[in-house]
Amino acid sequence: MAHAIRRLMDALYALCAAIAGTALVLISAIMPWAVYTRYVLNRAASWPEPTAVLLMIVLTFFGAAVCYRAGLHMRMSFFVSAVAAAPAARDRARRRVADGLDRAVHDQLGRPAGGSDLAKLHRGFSIALGRVTYLPIPLGGAVLLLFVIERVTIGAPAEAGRVDIAAFD
């Protein structure tokens, strides 16, 4: 059962990474167009700025989920690091406590609900982007909550197969 859940979380992780990466690429493509139309054509296009805002929200919330699962997100690891080296069983227990603190501090149960309230609030907008602007907040929060639950219940994902971002420094 844990293997099936891990495979599902791996697929969700890959999907979130693709979504966040695509949002980043699109932001990088849209903003030069906004600058060109504003300063070269002297006639600013109306769509680049709201589109970039939407993509930034997508990048932020899905990127946070990806970073958390990869172990790169800001978290309560200082708790684990602050305690002196101990046997593996106690170290695992401290890591589980840190993951629990992550869940409490990030308020994962409240973020999806709060984001869906914002999405409902803007549901009546006549502009299509207005209706979906806040939708990535509850979706990204729900994915992050799934990753927190995965880490607390079956442990952190294996290091194999993940990109080591620090290697690119």
Protein backbone atom coordinates (compact mmCIF):
# COMPACT_ATOMS: atom_id res chain seq x y z
CA MET A 1 0.00 0.00 0.00
CA ALA A 2 2.79 2.43 0.91
CA HIS A 3 4.47 1.70 -2.43
CA ALA A 4 1.30 2.59 -4.35
CA ILE A 5 0.88 5.81 -2.37
CA ARG A 6 4.52 6.69 -2.98
CA ARG A 7 4.10 6.17 -6.74
CA LEU A 8 0.97 8.33 -6.73
CA MET A 9 2.81 11.08 -4.81
CA ASP A 10 5.75 10.80 -7.24
CA ALA A 11 3.36 11.36 -10.15
CA LEU A 12 1.71 14.29 -8.36
CA TYR A 13 5.16 15.72 -7.61
CA ALA A 14 6.14 15.49 -11.30
CA LEU A 15 2.85 17.12 -12.35
CA CYS A 16 3.31 19.98 -9.88
CA ALA A 17 6.91 20.50 -11.00
CA ALA A 18 5.74 20.67 -14.63
CA ILE A 19 2.98 23.14 -13.73
CA ALA A 20 5.34 25.39 -11.74
CA GLY A 21 8.05 25.18 -14.42
CA THR A 22 5.59 26.01 -17.19
CA ALA A 23 4.32 28.99 -15.20
CA LEU A 24 7.88 30.27 -14.79
CA VAL A 25 8.61 29.92 -18.51
CA LEU A 26 5.36 31.67 -19.44
CA ILE A 27 6.06 34.55 -17.07
CA SER A 28 9.48 34.91 -18.69
CA ALA A 29 7.87 35.00 -22.12
CA ILE A 30 4.99 37.35 -21.26
CA MET A 31 6.85 40.11 -19.42
CA PRO A 32 9.12 41.12 -22.33
CA TRP A 33 5.98 41.48 -24.46
CA ALA A 34 4.46 43.75 -21.82
CA VAL A 35 7.60 45.91 -21.78
CA TYR A 36 7.72 46.00 -25.61
CA THR A 37 4.09 47.09 -25.99
CA ARG A 38 4.35 49.68 -23.23
CA TYR A 39 7.66 51.33 -24.10
CA VAL A 40 8.25 50.61 -27.78
CA LEU A 41 4.72 50.69 -29.17
CA ASN A 42 3.60 53.21 -26.53
CA ARG A 43 0.37 51.26 -26.23
CA ALA A 44 0.34 48.85 -23.30
CA ALA A 45 -1.39 45.53 -23.78
CA SER A 46 -4.00 44.87 -21.11
CA TRP A 47 -3.54 41.11 -20.67
CA PRO A 48 0.14 40.56 -19.70
CA GLU A 49 -0.02 41.92 -16.16
CA PRO A 50 -3.09 39.96 -14.91
CA THR A 51 -1.82 36.86 -16.68
CA ALA A 52 1.60 37.21 -15.04
CA VAL A 53 -0.09 37.66 -11.64
CA LEU A 54 -2.09 34.47 -12.15
CA LEU A 55 1.04 32.60 -13.25
CA MET A 56 2.95 33.91 -10.23
CA ILE A 57 0.25 32.56 -7.92
CA VAL A 58 0.46 29.20 -9.72
CA LEU A 59 4.26 29.22 -9.47
CA THR A 60 4.21 30.14 -5.79
CA PHE A 61 1.76 27.54 -4.52
CA PHE A 62 2.65 24.61 -6.74
CA GLY A 63 6.36 25.46 -6.44
CA ALA A 64 6.06 25.48 -2.64
CA ALA A 65 4.55 21.98 -2.76
CA VAL A 66 7.37 20.77 -5.02
CA CYS A 67 10.03 22.33 -2.80
CA TYR A 68 8.50 20.85 0.34
CA ARG A 69 8.49 17.34 -1.09
CA ALA A 70 12.05 17.74 -2.38
CA GLY A 71 13.18 18.90 1.05
CA LEU A 72 14.07 22.38 -0.21
CA HIS A 73 11.19 24.33 1.30
CA MET A 74 11.75 26.47 4.36
CA ARG A 75 10.64 24.31 7.26
CA MET A 76 11.16 23.45 10.86
CA SER A 77 14.40 21.61 10.15
CA PHE A 78 16.15 23.88 12.63
CA PHE A 79 14.38 21.82 15.32
CA VAL A 80 16.01 18.66 14.02
CA SER A 81 19.39 20.33 13.55
CA ALA A 82 19.38 21.94 16.98
CA VAL A 83 19.23 18.64 18.83
CA ALA A 84 22.52 16.78 19.25
CA ALA A 85 23.14 13.62 17.26
CA ALA A 86 21.23 10.65 18.63
CA PRO A 87 20.34 7.10 17.69
CA ALA A 88 18.41 6.69 14.45
CA ALA A 89 15.08 5.95 16.17
CA ARG A 90 15.14 9.19 18.12
CA ASP A 91 16.30 11.10 15.03
CA ARG A 92 13.33 9.73 13.07
CA ALA A 93 11.02 10.75 15.91
CA ARG A 94 12.44 14.29 15.86
CA ARG A 95 11.96 14.46 12.10
CA ARG A 96 8.33 13.40 12.49
CA VAL A 97 7.83 16.10 15.12
CA ALA A 98 9.39 18.65 12.73
CA ASP A 99 7.03 17.52 9.98
CA GLY A 100 4.11 17.87 12.36
CA LEU A 101 5.27 21.37 13.21
CA ASP A 102 5.46 22.09 9.48
CA ARG A 103 1.83 21.15 9.17
CA ALA A 104 0.84 23.27 12.14
CA VAL A 105 2.92 26.32 11.18
CA HIS A 106 1.87 26.31 7.54
CA ASP A 107 -1.75 25.71 8.61
CA GLN A 108 -2.29 23.33 5.74
CA LEU A 109 -5.82 22.57 6.79
CA GLY A 110 -6.73 26.26 6.63
CA ARG A 111 -4.94 27.24 3.42
CA PRO A 112 -7.07 25.17 1.02
CA ALA A 113 -10.25 26.43 2.70
CA GLY A 114 -9.12 30.07 2.68
CA GLY A 115 -8.03 29.92 -0.94
CA SER A 116 -11.32 28.37 -1.99
CA ASP A 117 -13.13 31.21 -0.18
CA LEU A 118 -11.15 33.70 -2.29
CA ALA A 119 -11.95 31.70 -5.45
CA LYS A 120 -15.67 31.71 -4.58
CA LEU A 121 -15.56 35.44 -3.85
CA HIS A 122 -14.21 36.15 -7.35
CA ARG A 123 -16.40 33.58 -9.09
CA GLY A 124 -18.81 36.28 -10.32
CA PHE A 125 -16.18 38.33 -12.17
CA SER A 126 -16.96 38.90 -15.81
CA ILE A 127 -13.28 38.57 -16.76
CA ALA A 128 -12.27 34.92 -17.17
CA LEU A 129 -8.98 35.40 -15.30
CA GLY A 130 -10.82 36.95 -12.37
CA ARG A 131 -12.71 33.72 -11.80
CA VAL A 132 -9.63 31.50 -11.60
CA THR A 133 -7.02 33.83 -10.11
CA TYR A 134 -7.21 32.38 -6.60
CA LEU A 135 -7.95 28.78 -7.59
CA PRO A 136 -4.25 27.74 -7.41
CA ILE A 137 -4.21 28.63 -3.69
CA PRO A 138 -6.56 25.84 -2.54
CA LEU A 139 -5.21 23.43 -5.16
CA GLY A 140 -1.57 24.04 -4.26
CA GLY A 141 -2.42 23.99 -0.55
CA ALA A 142 -4.23 20.67 -0.94
CA VAL A 143 -1.25 19.15 -2.78
CA LEU A 144 1.11 20.46 -0.09
CA LEU A 145 -1.14 18.94 2.56
CA LEU A 146 -0.97 15.58 0.74
CA PHE A 147 2.82 15.80 0.71
CA VAL A 148 2.88 16.61 4.44
CA ILE A 149 0.58 13.66 5.16
CA GLU A 150 2.82 11.43 3.02
CA ARG A 151 5.92 12.52 4.92
CA VAL A 152 4.29 12.06 8.33
CA THR A 153 2.68 8.67 7.59
CA ILE A 154 5.12 6.80 5.31
CA GLY A 155 8.22 8.97 5.59
CA ALA A 156 10.17 11.23 3.29
CA PRO A 157 10.53 10.18 -0.34
CA ALA A 158 13.74 8.44 -1.36
CA GLU A 159 16.59 10.63 -2.49
CA ALA A 160 17.10 8.62 -5.69
CA GLY A 161 15.50 10.08 -8.78
CA ARG A 162 15.26 13.64 -7.50
CA VAL A 163 17.28 16.54 -8.82
CA ASP A 164 19.78 17.93 -6.35
CA ILE A 165 19.35 21.69 -6.76
CA ALA A 166 22.47 22.38 -4.68
CA ALA A 167 24.54 20.65 -7.36
CA PHE A 168 23.80 23.56 -9.69
CA ASP A 169 25.23 26.21 -7.35
